[in-house]
Amino acid sequence: MFEGIYEIIHREMDNLDEKYASGNVTLTPQDLEHIDLMAHALKSLATYEAMKTGGDCGGSYAKLRSRQRYYRDEDRRY
């Protein structure tokens, strides 16, 4: 569910990550707002999907894993 939307948002986030990966570029307010909106959209879609499917992401581990690709283990708060 929503695979096309997830893919385009992830692609856009990948593009921004590449732009800022060198560390030689200053984060612009426009890019920060864009990142915030995309992250919010991903969380909203994941929440909607979890509510609709009972929290199992449609029964697909691959779907769940693809949505977690922007979370690094050291960034997680338990």
Protein backbone atom coordinates (compact mmCIF):
# COMPACT_ATOMS: atom_id res chain seq x y z
CA MET A 1 0.00 0.00 0.00
CA PHE A 2 1.34 3.43 -1.00
CA GLU A 3 4.54 1.95 -2.47
CA GLY A 4 4.71 4.58 -5.22
CA ILE A 5 4.35 7.43 -2.75
CA TYR A 6 6.94 5.94 -0.39
CA GLU A 7 9.38 5.43 -3.27
CA ILE A 8 9.16 8.99 -4.58
CA ILE A 9 9.58 10.48 -1.09
CA HIS A 10 12.54 8.19 -0.37
CA ARG A 11 14.10 9.13 -3.72
CA GLU A 12 13.75 12.83 -2.93
CA MET A 13 15.25 12.30 0.52
CA ASP A 14 18.14 10.37 -1.06
CA ASN A 15 18.76 13.33 -3.39
CA LEU A 16 18.86 15.74 -0.47
CA ASP A 17 21.11 13.38 1.49
CA GLU A 18 23.56 13.30 -1.43
CA LYS A 19 23.46 17.10 -1.60
CA TYR A 20 24.39 17.45 2.08
CA ALA A 21 26.63 14.37 2.48
CA SER A 22 29.85 16.29 1.86
CA GLY A 23 29.21 18.63 4.75
CA ASN A 24 30.33 21.59 2.64
CA VAL A 25 26.79 22.86 2.06
CA THR A 26 24.68 24.89 4.47
CA LEU A 27 21.21 23.52 5.10
CA THR A 28 18.70 25.95 3.67
CA PRO A 29 15.41 26.74 5.41
CA GLN A 30 13.58 25.56 2.27
CA ASP A 31 15.33 22.17 2.29
CA LEU A 32 14.75 21.79 6.02
CA GLU A 33 11.05 22.47 5.52
CA HIS A 34 10.98 20.03 2.61
CA ILE A 35 12.67 17.33 4.73
CA ASP A 36 10.26 17.98 7.59
CA LEU A 37 7.22 17.70 5.31
CA MET A 38 8.49 14.47 3.74
CA ALA A 39 9.28 12.91 7.13
CA HIS A 40 5.83 13.88 8.39
CA ALA A 41 4.21 12.42 5.27
CA LEU A 42 6.10 9.14 5.71
CA LYS A 43 5.06 8.91 9.37
CA SER A 44 1.45 9.75 8.53
CA LEU A 45 1.27 7.13 5.77
CA ALA A 46 2.89 4.50 8.00
CA THR A 47 0.44 5.32 10.81
CA TYR A 48 -2.54 5.13 8.46
CA GLU A 49 -1.31 1.84 7.04
CA ALA A 50 -0.70 0.41 10.52
CA MET A 51 -4.19 1.39 11.65
CA LYS A 52 -5.76 -0.04 8.51
CA THR A 53 -3.83 -3.33 8.67
CA GLY A 54 -3.77 -3.76 12.42
CA GLY A 55 -0.14 -2.73 12.77
CA ASP A 56 1.44 -5.50 10.71
CA CYS A 57 2.31 -3.38 7.63
CA GLY A 58 0.29 -5.73 5.48
CA GLY A 59 2.17 -8.76 6.68
CA SER A 60 5.29 -7.95 4.69
CA TYR A 61 8.64 -7.70 6.43
CA ALA A 62 10.08 -6.15 3.25
CA LYS A 63 7.57 -3.30 3.41
CA LEU A 64 8.36 -2.64 7.05
CA ARG A 65 12.11 -2.76 6.40
CA SER A 66 11.88 -0.36 3.45
CA ARG A 67 10.17 2.20 5.66
CA GLN A 68 12.90 1.95 8.30
CA ARG A 69 15.82 2.58 5.98
CA TYR A 70 16.30 6.15 7.18
CA TYR A 71 16.72 5.12 10.81
CA ARG A 72 20.23 4.24 11.89
CA ASP A 73 20.64 2.10 14.99
CA GLU A 74 22.65 4.76 16.80
CA ASP A 75 19.86 7.32 16.20
CA ARG A 76 17.14 5.21 17.79
CA ARG A 77 15.94 6.06 21.26
CA TYR A 78 14.66 3.12 23.28
